[in-house]
Amino acid sequence: MRGALADTHALLWWLGDDSRLSGGARDLMAAGEVPVYFSAASVWEAEIKAAAGKLVVPENLLEALEAEHFVELAITARHATEAARLPLLHRDPFDRMLVAQAQREGFEVITRDAKIQAYGVRVIW
């Protein structure tokens, strides 16, 4: 495995030591054997939801993720093109971006979202 891309909920549950994070996901994220990435889309999604009062995030989410040694994955024009061209199996644009990034970079996705598997991306949960 080249790396794993963590979905927004997995990142937040890791930071909050939330029991909803599965053992398999937690083990992979803790092991440090493969790099765990976070998408700029996840930071964007979390901050939008926090601003709307729908979610509580750490005061400086980016610094919290970096302190945990997660690696930022920027959104490129190629990622955007691939996300836009995905079939509409999943309506969430943030998750569609994660799928495109995972496909483009050869990453597995840490998520409990079963819809992501419909794109042929390997899911870790």
C-alpha atoms as a PDB file:
ATOM      1  CA  MET A   1       0.000   0.000   0.000  1.00  0.00           C
ATOM      2  CA  ARG A   2       1.386   3.394  -1.051  1.00  0.00           C
ATOM      3  CA  GLY A   3      -0.664   5.274   1.480  1.00  0.00           C
ATOM      4  CA  ALA A   4      -4.085   5.698   3.004  1.00  0.00           C
ATOM      5  CA  LEU A   5      -6.370   8.694   2.622  1.00  0.00           C
ATOM      6  CA  ALA A   6      -8.506   9.305   5.714  1.00  0.00           C
ATOM      7  CA  ASP A   7     -12.097  10.457   5.329  1.00  0.00           C
ATOM      8  CA  THR A   8     -13.183  13.493   7.344  1.00  0.00           C
ATOM      9  CA  HIS A   9     -15.043  11.527  10.007  1.00  0.00           C
ATOM     10  CA  ALA A  10     -12.074   9.185  10.518  1.00  0.00           C
ATOM     11  CA  LEU A  11      -9.760  12.152  11.073  1.00  0.00           C
ATOM     12  CA  LEU A  12     -12.092  13.848  13.529  1.00  0.00           C
ATOM     13  CA  TRP A  13     -12.760  10.624  15.396  1.00  0.00           C
ATOM     14  CA  TRP A  14      -9.008   9.999  15.644  1.00  0.00           C
ATOM     15  CA  LEU A  15      -8.405  13.498  17.013  1.00  0.00           C
ATOM     16  CA  GLY A  16     -11.258  13.126  19.486  1.00  0.00           C
ATOM     17  CA  ASP A  17     -10.339   9.549  20.494  1.00  0.00           C
ATOM     18  CA  ASP A  18     -13.892   8.622  19.524  1.00  0.00           C
ATOM     19  CA  SER A  19     -14.953   4.988  19.953  1.00  0.00           C
ATOM     20  CA  ARG A  20     -16.772   5.111  16.597  1.00  0.00           C
ATOM     21  CA  LEU A  21     -13.390   4.806  14.853  1.00  0.00           C
ATOM     22  CA  SER A  22     -12.995   1.116  14.047  1.00  0.00           C
ATOM     23  CA  GLY A  23     -10.148  -0.949  15.433  1.00  0.00           C
ATOM     24  CA  GLY A  24      -8.770  -1.598  11.954  1.00  0.00           C
ATOM     25  CA  ALA A  25      -8.751   2.083  11.085  1.00  0.00           C
ATOM     26  CA  ARG A  26      -7.254   3.017  14.452  1.00  0.00           C
ATOM     27  CA  ASP A  27      -4.519   0.393  14.128  1.00  0.00           C
ATOM     28  CA  LEU A  28      -3.516   1.587  10.664  1.00  0.00           C
ATOM     29  CA  MET A  29      -3.509   5.237  11.677  1.00  0.00           C
ATOM     30  CA  ALA A  30      -1.434   4.525  14.799  1.00  0.00           C
ATOM     31  CA  ALA A  31       1.081   2.105  13.284  1.00  0.00           C
ATOM     32  CA  GLY A  32       3.030   4.597  11.193  1.00  0.00           C
ATOM     33  CA  GLU A  33       3.913   1.866   8.694  1.00  0.00           C
ATOM     34  CA  VAL A  34       2.271   3.661   5.762  1.00  0.00           C
ATOM     35  CA  PRO A  35       1.680   7.382   5.411  1.00  0.00           C
ATOM     36  CA  VAL A  36      -1.827   8.510   6.293  1.00  0.00           C
ATOM     37  CA  TYR A  37      -2.976  11.469   4.237  1.00  0.00           C
ATOM     38  CA  PHE A  38      -5.721  14.018   4.754  1.00  0.00           C
ATOM     39  CA  SER A  39      -7.266  15.865   1.871  1.00  0.00           C
ATOM     40  CA  ALA A  40      -7.631  19.610   1.688  1.00  0.00           C
ATOM     41  CA  ALA A  41     -11.270  18.690   0.919  1.00  0.00           C
ATOM     42  CA  SER A  42     -11.653  17.201   4.408  1.00  0.00           C
ATOM     43  CA  VAL A  43     -10.371  20.348   6.086  1.00  0.00           C
ATOM     44  CA  TRP A  44     -12.690  22.409   3.891  1.00  0.00           C
ATOM     45  CA  GLU A  45     -15.679  20.174   4.676  1.00  0.00           C
ATOM     46  CA  ALA A  46     -15.032  20.168   8.422  1.00  0.00           C
ATOM     47  CA  GLU A  47     -14.529  23.931   8.616  1.00  0.00           C
ATOM     48  CA  ILE A  48     -17.704  24.615   6.588  1.00  0.00           C
ATOM     49  CA  LYS A  49     -19.743  22.374   8.882  1.00  0.00           C
ATOM     50  CA  ALA A  50     -18.147  23.911  11.984  1.00  0.00           C
ATOM     51  CA  ALA A  51     -18.959  27.424  10.771  1.00  0.00           C
ATOM     52  CA  ALA A  52     -22.577  26.328  10.247  1.00  0.00           C
ATOM     53  CA  GLY A  53     -22.725  24.931  13.796  1.00  0.00           C
ATOM     54  CA  LYS A  54     -23.139  21.336  12.584  1.00  0.00           C
ATOM     55  CA  LEU A  55     -19.777  20.065  13.791  1.00  0.00           C
ATOM     56  CA  VAL A  56     -17.185  20.773  16.455  1.00  0.00           C
ATOM     57  CA  VAL A  57     -13.574  20.724  15.291  1.00  0.00           C
ATOM     58  CA  PRO A  58     -10.299  21.563  17.026  1.00  0.00           C
ATOM     59  CA  GLU A  59      -9.553  25.298  17.054  1.00  0.00           C
ATOM     60  CA  ASN A  60      -6.748  24.822  14.543  1.00  0.00           C
ATOM     61  CA  LEU A  61      -7.661  21.678  12.677  1.00  0.00           C
ATOM     62  CA  LEU A  62      -4.746  21.829  10.265  1.00  0.00           C
ATOM     63  CA  GLU A  63      -2.172  22.058  13.056  1.00  0.00           C
ATOM     64  CA  ALA A  64      -3.894  19.233  14.956  1.00  0.00           C
ATOM     65  CA  LEU A  65      -3.704  16.952  11.913  1.00  0.00           C
ATOM     66  CA  GLU A  66      -0.068  17.812  11.262  1.00  0.00           C
ATOM     67  CA  ALA A  67       0.791  17.218  14.941  1.00  0.00           C
ATOM     68  CA  GLU A  68      -0.510  13.666  14.485  1.00  0.00           C
ATOM     69  CA  HIS A  69       1.899  13.249  11.537  1.00  0.00           C
ATOM     70  CA  PHE A  70      -0.836  13.011   8.934  1.00  0.00           C
ATOM     71  CA  VAL A  71       0.297  14.263   5.532  1.00  0.00           C
ATOM     72  CA  GLU A  72      -1.612  16.940   3.637  1.00  0.00           C
ATOM     73  CA  LEU A  73      -2.813  16.012   0.155  1.00  0.00           C
ATOM     74  CA  ALA A  74      -3.529  19.124  -1.886  1.00  0.00           C
ATOM     75  CA  ILE A  75      -6.262  19.150  -4.502  1.00  0.00           C
ATOM     76  CA  THR A  76      -4.827  19.309  -8.008  1.00  0.00           C
ATOM     77  CA  ALA A  77      -6.516  20.115 -11.290  1.00  0.00           C
ATOM     78  CA  ARG A  78      -6.218  16.415 -12.197  1.00  0.00           C
ATOM     79  CA  HIS A  79      -8.029  15.475  -8.990  1.00  0.00           C
ATOM     80  CA  ALA A  80     -10.762  18.007  -9.795  1.00  0.00           C
ATOM     81  CA  THR A  81     -11.164  16.698 -13.330  1.00  0.00           C
ATOM     82  CA  GLU A  82     -11.416  13.100 -12.162  1.00  0.00           C
ATOM     83  CA  ALA A  83     -13.882  13.976  -9.394  1.00  0.00           C
ATOM     84  CA  ALA A  84     -16.116  15.801 -11.886  1.00  0.00           C
ATOM     85  CA  ARG A  85     -16.079  12.807 -14.235  1.00  0.00           C
ATOM     86  CA  LEU A  86     -16.984  10.179 -11.641  1.00  0.00           C
ATOM     87  CA  PRO A  87     -20.387   8.538 -12.040  1.00  0.00           C
ATOM     88  CA  LEU A  88     -22.932   9.884  -9.561  1.00  0.00           C
ATOM     89  CA  LEU A  89     -22.825   6.881  -7.236  1.00  0.00           C
ATOM     90  CA  HIS A  90     -22.215   9.247  -4.340  1.00  0.00           C
ATOM     91  CA  ARG A  91     -23.759  12.717  -4.180  1.00  0.00           C
ATOM     92  CA  ASP A  92     -21.352  14.240  -1.606  1.00  0.00           C
ATOM     93  CA  PRO A  93     -18.803  16.361  -3.512  1.00  0.00           C
ATOM     94  CA  PHE A  94     -16.235  16.082  -0.710  1.00  0.00           C
ATOM     95  CA  ASP A  95     -16.381  12.285  -0.772  1.00  0.00           C
ATOM     96  CA  ARG A  96     -16.228  12.275  -4.562  1.00  0.00           C
ATOM     97  CA  MET A  97     -13.026  14.316  -4.309  1.00  0.00           C
ATOM     98  CA  LEU A  98     -11.574  11.779  -1.864  1.00  0.00           C
ATOM     99  CA  VAL A  99     -12.419   8.984  -4.308  1.00  0.00           C
ATOM    100  CA  ALA A 100     -10.736  10.836  -7.184  1.00  0.00           C
ATOM    101  CA  GLN A 101      -7.656  11.554  -5.087  1.00  0.00           C
ATOM    102  CA  ALA A 102      -7.413   7.958  -3.894  1.00  0.00           C
ATOM    103  CA  GLN A 103      -7.776   6.618  -7.422  1.00  0.00           C
ATOM    104  CA  ARG A 104      -5.254   9.072  -8.856  1.00  0.00           C
ATOM    105  CA  GLU A 105      -2.663   8.536  -6.104  1.00  0.00           C
ATOM    106  CA  GLY A 106      -3.190   4.783  -5.643  1.00  0.00           C
ATOM    107  CA  PHE A 107      -4.323   5.148  -2.017  1.00  0.00           C
ATOM    108  CA  GLU A 108      -6.783   3.182   0.039  1.00  0.00           C
ATOM    109  CA  VAL A 109      -9.482   5.136   1.890  1.00  0.00           C
ATOM    110  CA  ILE A 110     -10.051   5.014   5.639  1.00  0.00           C
ATOM    111  CA  THR A 111     -13.822   5.375   5.903  1.00  0.00           C
ATOM    112  CA  ARG A 112     -16.989   3.780   7.146  1.00  0.00           C
ATOM    113  CA  ASP A 113     -18.853   5.113   4.094  1.00  0.00           C
ATOM    114  CA  ALA A 114     -19.865   2.043   2.080  1.00  0.00           C
ATOM    115  CA  LYS A 115     -20.755   4.185  -0.953  1.00  0.00           C
ATOM    116  CA  ILE A 116     -17.071   4.870  -1.540  1.00  0.00           C
ATOM    117  CA  GLN A 117     -16.427   1.184  -2.249  1.00  0.00           C
ATOM    118  CA  ALA A 118     -18.841   1.376  -5.181  1.00  0.00           C
ATOM    119  CA  TYR A 119     -16.098   3.257  -7.058  1.00  0.00           C
ATOM    120  CA  GLY A 120     -13.705   0.338  -6.780  1.00  0.00           C
ATOM    121  CA  VAL A 121     -11.539   2.031  -4.179  1.00  0.00           C
ATOM    122  CA  ARG A 122     -10.204  -0.248  -1.446  1.00  0.00           C
ATOM    123  CA  VAL A 123     -11.653   0.777   1.900  1.00  0.00           C
ATOM    124  CA  ILE A 124     -10.087   0.231   5.294  1.00  0.00           C
ATOM    125  CA  TRP A 125     -12.440   0.089   8.229  1.00  0.00           C
END
